[in-house]
Amino acid sequence: MSPDDILSTICRYFDIQPDDVKGRSRAQMISLPRKLVCYMVRQMLPMSFANIAHWLGHRDHSTIVYYIKDIEAKLPSDPILQNYCNQIRAHLQQLQPFEEIAERHV
């Protein structure tokens, strides 16, 4: 799994374009998916805040820290956000590297 897999999955889920997430828009329909991308990348991949910032378009890493903390703060009390995360995570867990699939059949 790669950050681009996470990005494309979340973009399909919210029916937006990857360029929108990597852009500067502050619109709610873009900012929530952007925060979820950062949160999911950090949860599922060994990427630093600085690497996530660079990958998303040279944002300062402190912005990424804010995005992730915002999701972490809202998640326990927001069932809609929990549902988004659960559905996205379930889809992402179905994405397996070719090597893992091949190892099971050997």
Foldseek 3Di string as FASTA:
>chain_A
DDLVVLLVLLCVVLVHDSVLLLDDDPDPSNLLSVLVSLQCCVVPHVDQLQRVCVVSPNDDSVVSVVSNVVLVVCVVPDVVSVVSNVVSVVVVVVDDPPVVVVVVVD
